PDB file of N, CA and C in Angstrom:
ATOM      1  N   MET A   1      55.614   7.639-112.992  1.00  0.00           N
ATOM      2  CA  MET A   1      55.715   7.132-111.625  1.00  0.00           C
ATOM      3  C   MET A   1      54.737   5.967-111.463  1.00  0.00           C
ATOM      4  N   ALA A   2      55.171   4.895-110.854  1.00  0.00           N
ATOM      5  CA  ALA A   2      54.337   3.717-110.658  1.00  0.00           C
ATOM      6  C   ALA A   2      53.182   4.047-109.725  1.00  0.00           C
ATOM      7  N   GLU A   3      52.019   3.384-109.935  1.00  0.00           N
ATOM      8  CA  GLU A   3      50.835   3.603-109.111  1.00  0.00           C
ATOM      9  C   GLU A   3      51.143   3.435-107.635  1.00  0.00           C
ATOM     10  N   SER A   4      51.890   2.399-107.270  1.00  0.00           N
ATOM     11  CA  SER A   4      52.182   2.131-105.871  1.00  0.00           C
ATOM     12  C   SER A   4      53.110   3.177-105.257  1.00  0.00           C
ATOM     13  N   MET A   5      53.774   3.962-106.107  1.00  0.00           N
ATOM     14  CA  MET A   5      54.701   4.973-105.626  1.00  0.00           C
ATOM     15  C   MET A   5      54.028   6.350-105.525  1.00  0.00           C
ATOM     16  N   LYS A   6      52.761   6.450-105.966  1.00  0.00           N
ATOM     17  CA  LYS A   6      52.061   7.719-105.972  1.00  0.00           C
ATOM     18  C   LYS A   6      51.895   8.237-104.544  1.00  0.00           C
ATOM     19  N   LYS A   7      52.215   9.520-104.341  1.00  0.00           N
ATOM     20  CA  LYS A   7      52.110  10.129-103.022  1.00  0.00           C
ATOM     21  C   LYS A   7      50.641  10.345-102.688  1.00  0.00           C
ATOM     22  N   GLU A   8      50.257   9.934-101.494  1.00  0.00           N
ATOM     23  CA  GLU A   8      48.876  10.089-101.054  1.00  0.00           C
ATOM     24  C   GLU A   8      48.527  11.566-100.882  1.00  0.00           C
ATOM     25  N   GLN A   9      47.387  11.929-101.402  1.00  0.00           N
ATOM     26  CA  GLN A   9      46.850  13.287-101.308  1.00  0.00           C
ATOM     27  C   GLN A   9      45.594  13.254-100.432  1.00  0.00           C
ATOM     28  N   PRO A  10      45.115  14.405 -99.974  1.00  0.00           N
ATOM     29  CA  PRO A  10      43.865  14.421 -99.206  1.00  0.00           C
ATOM     30  C   PRO A  10      42.687  13.942-100.057  1.00  0.00           C
ATOM     31  N   CYS A  11      41.723  13.333 -99.408  1.00  0.00           N
ATOM     32  CA  CYS A  11      40.509  12.869-100.075  1.00  0.00           C
ATOM     33  C   CYS A  11      39.785  14.065-100.696  1.00  0.00           C
ATOM     34  N   ILE A  12      39.379  13.922-101.961  1.00  0.00           N
ATOM     35  CA  ILE A  12      38.668  15.004-102.651  1.00  0.00           C
ATOM     36  C   ILE A  12      37.160  14.744-102.679  1.00  0.00           C
ATOM     37  N   ARG A  13      36.722  13.724-101.980  1.00  0.00           N
ATOM     38  CA  ARG A  13      35.299  13.381-101.862  1.00  0.00           C
ATOM     39  C   ARG A  13      34.641  13.183-103.231  1.00  0.00           C
ATOM     40  N   CYS A  14      35.318  12.466-104.086  1.00  0.00           N
ATOM     41  CA  CYS A  14      34.814  12.212-105.432  1.00  0.00           C
ATOM     42  C   CYS A  14      33.796  11.069-105.452  1.00  0.00           C
ATOM     43  N   ALA A  15      33.807  10.237-104.411  1.00  0.00           N
ATOM     44  CA  ALA A  15      32.891   9.102-104.257  1.00  0.00           C
ATOM     45  C   ALA A  15      33.169   7.944-105.210  1.00  0.00           C
ATOM     46  N   GLU A  16      34.328   7.932-105.848  1.00  0.00           N
ATOM     47  CA  GLU A  16      34.653   6.811-106.728  1.00  0.00           C
ATOM     48  C   GLU A  16      34.664   5.493-105.955  1.00  0.00           C
ATOM     49  N   CYS A  17      35.205   5.514-104.738  1.00  0.00           N
ATOM     50  CA  CYS A  17      35.252   4.282-103.938  1.00  0.00           C
ATOM     51  C   CYS A  17      33.846   3.805-103.597  1.00  0.00           C
ATOM     52  N   VAL A  18      32.942   4.729-103.338  1.00  0.00           N
ATOM     53  CA  VAL A  18      31.553   4.385-103.012  1.00  0.00           C
ATOM     54  C   VAL A  18      30.850   3.834-104.247  1.00  0.00           C
ATOM     55  N   ASN A  19      31.016   4.528-105.361  1.00  0.00           N
ATOM     56  CA  ASN A  19      30.345   4.128-106.603  1.00  0.00           C
ATOM     57  C   ASN A  19      30.807   2.773-107.120  1.00  0.00           C
ATOM     58  N   ARG A  20      32.048   2.415-106.861  1.00  0.00           N
ATOM     59  CA  ARG A  20      32.605   1.180-107.413  1.00  0.00           C
ATOM     60  C   ARG A  20      32.585   0.002-106.444  1.00  0.00           C
ATOM     61  N   CYS A  21      32.198   0.230-105.185  1.00  0.00           N
ATOM     62  CA  CYS A  21      32.208  -0.855-104.204  1.00  0.00           C
ATOM     63  C   CYS A  21      31.189  -1.926-104.585  1.00  0.00           C
ATOM     64  N   PRO A  22      31.644  -3.163-104.811  1.00  0.00           N
ATOM     65  CA  PRO A  22      30.718  -4.214-105.249  1.00  0.00           C
ATOM     66  C   PRO A  22      29.754  -4.691-104.160  1.00  0.00           C
ATOM     67  N   VAL A  23      30.025  -4.388-102.897  1.00  0.00           N
ATOM     68  CA  VAL A  23      29.122  -4.821-101.822  1.00  0.00           C
ATOM     69  C   VAL A  23      28.304  -3.671-101.254  1.00  0.00           C
ATOM     70  N   GLY A  24      28.470  -2.471-101.795  1.00  0.00           N
ATOM     71  CA  GLY A  24      27.639  -1.343-101.430  1.00  0.00           C
ATOM     72  C   GLY A  24      27.930  -0.667-100.098  1.00  0.00           C
ATOM     73  N   ILE A  25      29.156  -0.843 -99.589  1.00  0.00           N
ATOM     74  CA  ILE A  25      29.501  -0.110 -98.371  1.00  0.00           C
ATOM     75  C   ILE A  25      30.035   1.265 -98.758  1.00  0.00           C
ATOM     76  N   ASN A  26      30.279   2.104 -97.762  1.00  0.00           N
ATOM     77  CA  ASN A  26      30.761   3.455 -98.021  1.00  0.00           C
ATOM     78  C   ASN A  26      32.192   3.580 -97.484  1.00  0.00           C
ATOM     79  N   PRO A  27      33.177   3.203 -98.290  1.00  0.00           N
ATOM     80  CA  PRO A  27      34.562   3.206 -97.813  1.00  0.00           C
ATOM     81  C   PRO A  27      35.048   4.550 -97.285  1.00  0.00           C
ATOM     82  N   VAL A  28      34.602   5.657 -97.878  1.00  0.00           N
ATOM     83  CA  VAL A  28      35.085   6.963 -97.429  1.00  0.00           C
ATOM     84  C   VAL A  28      34.528   7.311 -96.047  1.00  0.00           C
ATOM     85  N   PHE A  29      33.283   6.940 -95.749  1.00  0.00           N
ATOM     86  CA  PHE A  29      32.744   7.169 -94.409  1.00  0.00           C
ATOM     87  C   PHE A  29      33.492   6.318 -93.390  1.00  0.00           C
ATOM     88  N   ILE A  30      33.787   5.079 -93.765  1.00  0.00           N
ATOM     89  CA  ILE A  30      34.546   4.196 -92.875  1.00  0.00           C
ATOM     90  C   ILE A  30      35.921   4.805 -92.612  1.00  0.00           C
ATOM     91  N   MET A  31      36.574   5.269 -93.665  1.00  0.00           N
ATOM     92  CA  MET A  31      37.899   5.869 -93.529  1.00  0.00           C
ATOM     93  C   MET A  31      37.857   7.084 -92.599  1.00  0.00           C
ATOM     94  N   ASN A  32      36.892   7.964 -92.805  1.00  0.00           N
ATOM     95  CA  ASN A  32      36.788   9.155 -91.971  1.00  0.00           C
ATOM     96  C   ASN A  32      36.496   8.806 -90.517  1.00  0.00           C
ATOM     97  N   THR A  33      35.684   7.804 -90.291  1.00  0.00           N
ATOM     98  CA  THR A  33      35.379   7.365 -88.931  1.00  0.00           C
ATOM     99  C   THR A  33      36.618   6.783 -88.266  1.00  0.00           C
ATOM    100  N   MET A  34      37.399   6.043 -89.020  1.00  0.00           N
ATOM    101  CA  MET A  34      38.615   5.437 -88.474  1.00  0.00           C
ATOM    102  C   MET A  34      39.680   6.494 -88.159  1.00  0.00           C
ATOM    103  N   LYS A  35      39.648   7.623 -88.849  1.00  0.00           N
ATOM    104  CA  LYS A  35      40.650   8.663 -88.628  1.00  0.00           C
ATOM    105  C   LYS A  35      40.321   9.545 -87.433  1.00  0.00           C
ATOM    106  N   SER A  36      39.070   9.520 -86.976  1.00  0.00           N
ATOM    107  CA  SER A  36      38.708  10.338 -85.813  1.00  0.00           C
ATOM    108  C   SER A  36      39.136   9.616 -84.536  1.00  0.00           C
ATOM    109  N   MET A  37      39.690  10.382 -83.612  1.00  0.00           N
ATOM    110  CA  MET A  37      40.173   9.793 -82.359  1.00  0.00           C
ATOM    111  C   MET A  37      39.402  10.361 -81.184  1.00  0.00           C
ATOM    112  N   PRO A  38      38.971   9.534 -80.267  1.00  0.00           N
ATOM    113  CA  PRO A  38      39.057   8.074 -80.317  1.00  0.00           C
ATOM    114  C   PRO A  38      38.058   7.522 -81.333  1.00  0.00           C
ATOM    115  N   VAL A  39      38.363   6.351 -81.863  1.00  0.00           N
ATOM    116  CA  VAL A  39      37.494   5.720 -82.856  1.00  0.00           C
ATOM    117  C   VAL A  39      36.179   5.323 -82.180  1.00  0.00           C
ATOM    118  N   ASP A  40      35.081   5.718 -82.800  1.00  0.00           N
ATOM    119  CA  ASP A  40      33.741   5.395 -82.298  1.00  0.00           C
ATOM    120  C   ASP A  40      33.356   4.003 -82.802  1.00  0.00           C
ATOM    121  N   LYS A  41      33.502   2.996 -81.922  1.00  0.00           N
ATOM    122  CA  LYS A  41      33.249   1.607 -82.318  1.00  0.00           C
ATOM    123  C   LYS A  41      31.830   1.406 -82.832  1.00  0.00           C
ATOM    124  N   ALA A  42      30.857   2.031 -82.172  1.00  0.00           N
ATOM    125  CA  ALA A  42      29.465   1.878 -82.593  1.00  0.00           C
ATOM    126  C   ALA A  42      29.248   2.423 -84.001  1.00  0.00           C
ATOM    127  N   LYS A  43      29.873   3.548 -84.301  1.00  0.00           N
ATOM    128  CA  LYS A  43      29.737   4.137 -85.631  1.00  0.00           C
ATOM    129  C   LYS A  43      30.402   3.254 -86.685  1.00  0.00           C
ATOM    130  N   VAL A  44      31.566   2.704 -86.350  1.00  0.00           N
ATOM    131  CA  VAL A  44      32.249   1.793 -87.283  1.00  0.00           C
ATOM    132  C   VAL A  44      31.352   0.596 -87.572  1.00  0.00           C
ATOM    133  N   LYS A  45      30.800   0.000 -86.532  1.00  0.00           N
ATOM    134  CA  LYS A  45      29.924  -1.168 -86.715  1.00  0.00           C
ATOM    135  C   LYS A  45      28.711  -0.820 -87.576  1.00  0.00           C
ATOM    136  N   ALA A  46      28.138   0.372 -87.357  1.00  0.00           N
ATOM    137  CA  ALA A  46      26.963   0.797 -88.117  1.00  0.00           C
ATOM    138  C   ALA A  46      27.262   0.948 -89.612  1.00  0.00           C
ATOM    139  N   LEU A  47      28.510   1.223 -89.958  1.00  0.00           N
ATOM    140  CA  LEU A  47      28.907   1.362 -91.364  1.00  0.00           C
ATOM    141  C   LEU A  47      29.134   0.009 -92.039  1.00  0.00           C
ATOM    142  N   ASP A  48      29.038  -1.069 -91.282  1.00  0.00           N
ATOM    143  CA  ASP A  48      29.074  -2.452 -91.776  1.00  0.00           C
ATOM    144  C   ASP A  48      30.310  -2.836 -92.596  1.00  0.00           C
ATOM    145  N   PRO A  49      31.507  -2.559 -92.078  1.00  0.00           N
ATOM    146  CA  PRO A  49      32.712  -2.911 -92.836  1.00  0.00           C
ATOM    147  C   PRO A  49      32.913  -4.418 -93.003  1.00  0.00           C
ATOM    148  N   LEU A  50      32.218  -5.222 -92.205  1.00  0.00           N
ATOM    149  CA  LEU A  50      32.383  -6.671 -92.326  1.00  0.00           C
ATOM    150  C   LEU A  50      31.844  -7.202 -93.653  1.00  0.00           C
ATOM    151  N   LYS A  51      31.056  -6.399 -94.368  1.00  0.00           N
ATOM    152  CA  LYS A  51      30.583  -6.795 -95.695  1.00  0.00           C
ATOM    153  C   LYS A  51      31.709  -6.738 -96.726  1.00  0.00           C
ATOM    154  N   CYS A  52      32.783  -6.015 -96.400  1.00  0.00           N
ATOM    155  CA  CYS A  52      33.903  -5.855 -97.325  1.00  0.00           C
ATOM    156  C   CYS A  52      34.515  -7.206 -97.674  1.00  0.00           C
ATOM    157  N   THR A  53      34.784  -7.408 -98.960  1.00  0.00           N
ATOM    158  CA  THR A  53      35.381  -8.660 -99.429  1.00  0.00           C
ATOM    159  C   THR A  53      36.875  -8.528 -99.700  1.00  0.00           C
ATOM    160  N   ASP A  54      37.463  -7.384 -99.333  1.00  0.00           N
ATOM    161  CA  ASP A  54      38.890  -7.127 -99.536  1.00  0.00           C
ATOM    162  C   ASP A  54      39.309  -7.172-101.005  1.00  0.00           C
ATOM    163  N   CYS A  55      38.424  -6.719-101.891  1.00  0.00           N
ATOM    164  CA  CYS A  55      38.747  -6.739-103.324  1.00  0.00           C
ATOM    165  C   CYS A  55      39.764  -5.663-103.707  1.00  0.00           C
ATOM    166  N   GLY A  56      39.811  -4.562-102.927  1.00  0.00           N
ATOM    167  CA  GLY A  56      40.790  -3.512-103.181  1.00  0.00           C
ATOM    168  C   GLY A  56      40.411  -2.511-104.251  1.00  0.00           C
ATOM    169  N   ILE A  57      39.210  -2.604-104.799  1.00  0.00           N
ATOM    170  CA  ILE A  57      38.799  -1.675-105.851  1.00  0.00           C
ATOM    171  C   ILE A  57      38.820  -0.232-105.345  1.00  0.00           C
ATOM    172  N   CYS A  58      38.437  -0.028-104.082  1.00  0.00           N
ATOM    173  CA  CYS A  58      38.397   1.330-103.531  1.00  0.00           C
ATOM    174  C   CYS A  58      39.767   2.000-103.618  1.00  0.00           C
ATOM    175  N   THR A  59      40.805   1.257-103.335  1.00  0.00           N
ATOM    176  CA  THR A  59      42.163   1.801-103.423  1.00  0.00           C
ATOM    177  C   THR A  59      42.564   2.005-104.882  1.00  0.00           C
ATOM    178  N   GLN A  60      42.201   1.073-105.734  1.00  0.00           N
ATOM    179  CA  GLN A  60      42.572   1.164-107.149  1.00  0.00           C
ATOM    180  C   GLN A  60      41.966   2.381-107.835  1.00  0.00           C
ATOM    181  N   VAL A  61      40.750   2.753-107.478  1.00  0.00           N
ATOM    182  CA  VAL A  61      40.069   3.852-108.166  1.00  0.00           C
ATOM    183  C   VAL A  61      40.285   5.210-107.501  1.00  0.00           C
ATOM    184  N   CYS A  62      40.947   5.247-106.367  1.00  0.00           N
ATOM    185  CA  CYS A  62      41.120   6.496-105.634  1.00  0.00           C
ATOM    186  C   CYS A  62      42.094   7.430-106.357  1.00  0.00           C
ATOM    187  N   PRO A  63      41.612   8.586-106.855  1.00  0.00           N
ATOM    188  CA  PRO A  63      42.507   9.499-107.550  1.00  0.00           C
ATOM    189  C   PRO A  63      43.485  10.206-106.610  1.00  0.00           C
ATOM    190  N   SER A  64      43.229  10.124-105.320  1.00  0.00           N
ATOM    191  CA  SER A  64      44.122  10.745-104.343  1.00  0.00           C
ATOM    192  C   SER A  64      45.207   9.789-103.856  1.00  0.00           C
ATOM    193  N   GLY A  65      45.177   8.549-104.336  1.00  0.00           N
ATOM    194  CA  GLY A  65      46.203   7.583-103.969  1.00  0.00           C
ATOM    195  C   GLY A  65      46.095   7.089-102.537  1.00  0.00           C
ATOM    196  N   ILE A  66      44.898   7.158-101.949  1.00  0.00           N
ATOM    197  CA  ILE A  66      44.704   6.717-100.566  1.00  0.00           C
ATOM    198  C   ILE A  66      44.507   5.208-100.543  1.00  0.00           C
ATOM    199  N   ASP A  67      45.175   4.544 -99.628  1.00  0.00           N
ATOM    200  CA  ASP A  67      45.024   3.097 -99.469  1.00  0.00           C
ATOM    201  C   ASP A  67      43.771   2.827 -98.632  1.00  0.00           C
ATOM    202  N   VAL A  68      42.630   3.079 -99.245  1.00  0.00           N
ATOM    203  CA  VAL A  68      41.338   2.944 -98.563  1.00  0.00           C
ATOM    204  C   VAL A  68      41.123   1.508 -98.095  1.00  0.00           C
ATOM    205  N   ALA A  69      41.523   0.539 -98.897  1.00  0.00           N
ATOM    206  CA  ALA A  69      41.292  -0.863 -98.566  1.00  0.00           C
ATOM    207  C   ALA A  69      41.945  -1.258 -97.245  1.00  0.00           C
ATOM    208  N   THR A  70      43.131  -0.769 -96.983  1.00  0.00           N
ATOM    209  CA  THR A  70      43.810  -1.089 -95.729  1.00  0.00           C
ATOM    210  C   THR A  70      43.067  -0.483 -94.543  1.00  0.00           C
ATOM    211  N   ILE A  71      42.559   0.722 -94.711  1.00  0.00           N
ATOM    212  CA  ILE A  71      41.812   1.368 -93.639  1.00  0.00           C
ATOM    213  C   ILE A  71      40.517   0.603 -93.368  1.00  0.00           C
ATOM    214  N   VAL A  72      39.835   0.176 -94.420  1.00  0.00           N
ATOM    215  CA  VAL A  72      38.610  -0.604 -94.247  1.00  0.00           C
ATOM    216  C   VAL A  72      38.937  -1.941 -93.571  1.00  0.00           C
ATOM    217  N   LYS A  73      40.046  -2.534 -93.955  1.00  0.00           N
ATOM    218  CA  LYS A  73      40.462  -3.798 -93.337  1.00  0.00           C
ATOM    219  C   LYS A  73      40.675  -3.616 -91.828  1.00  0.00           C
ATOM    220  N   ARG A  74      41.298  -2.512 -91.442  1.00  0.00           N
ATOM    221  CA  ARG A  74      41.493  -2.225 -90.012  1.00  0.00           C
ATOM    222  C   ARG A  74      40.153  -2.026 -89.307  1.00  0.00           C
ATOM    223  N   SER A  75      39.201  -1.416 -90.008  1.00  0.00           N
ATOM    224  CA  SER A  75      37.899  -1.172 -89.402  1.00  0.00           C
ATOM    225  C   SER A  75      37.156  -2.478 -89.122  1.00  0.00           C
ATOM    226  N   LYS A  76      37.458  -3.506 -89.905  1.00  0.00           N
ATOM    227  CA  LYS A  76      36.822  -4.805 -89.670  1.00  0.00           C
ATOM    228  C   LYS A  76      37.240  -5.376 -88.317  1.00  0.00           C
ATOM    229  N   VAL A  77      38.465  -5.097 -87.892  1.00  0.00           N
ATOM    230  CA  VAL A  77      38.930  -5.539 -86.578  1.00  0.00           C
ATOM    231  C   VAL A  77      38.120  -4.833 -85.491  1.00  0.00           C
ATOM    232  N   ILE A  78      37.917  -3.530 -85.649  1.00  0.00           N
ATOM    233  CA  ILE A  78      37.137  -2.741 -84.693  1.00  0.00           C
ATOM    234  C   ILE A  78      35.689  -3.250 -84.644  1.00  0.00           C
ATOM    235  N   ALA A  79      35.125  -3.532 -85.827  1.00  0.00           N
ATOM    236  CA  ALA A  79      33.738  -3.967 -85.897  1.00  0.00           C
ATOM    237  C   ALA A  79      33.485  -5.306 -85.214  1.00  0.00           C
ATOM    238  N   LYS A  80      34.536  -6.107 -85.072  1.00  0.00           N
ATOM    239  CA  LYS A  80      34.390  -7.423 -84.420  1.00  0.00           C
ATOM    240  C   LYS A  80      34.502  -7.331 -82.897  1.00  0.00           C
ATOM    241  N   LEU A  81      34.928  -6.175 -82.383  1.00  0.00           N
ATOM    242  CA  LEU A  81      35.075  -6.033 -80.919  1.00  0.00           C
ATOM    243  C   LEU A  81      33.702  -6.016 -80.268  1.00  0.00           C
ATOM    244  N   PRO A  82      33.636  -6.530 -79.028  1.00  0.00           N
ATOM    245  CA  PRO A  82      32.344  -6.530 -78.318  1.00  0.00           C
ATOM    246  C   PRO A  82      31.895  -5.131 -77.933  1.00  0.00           C
TER     247      PRO A  82
END
């Protein structure tokens, strides 16, 4: 089965996305914050997603097939809000 066709599984908290992030952010914390409703804008900003360079490594290394990069990208929109 192609990588892009892999069914997303729940996060297993392996920290691969954290360990491989070239800018040192915590993609899994950002993802979890973005999934909580309502989204806590202050918490998103504190996690500093604007440092993300959109390299996509977090998604590539995720053994659960989670598109972490897209979630982090969405968090950057939240982080820019006043």
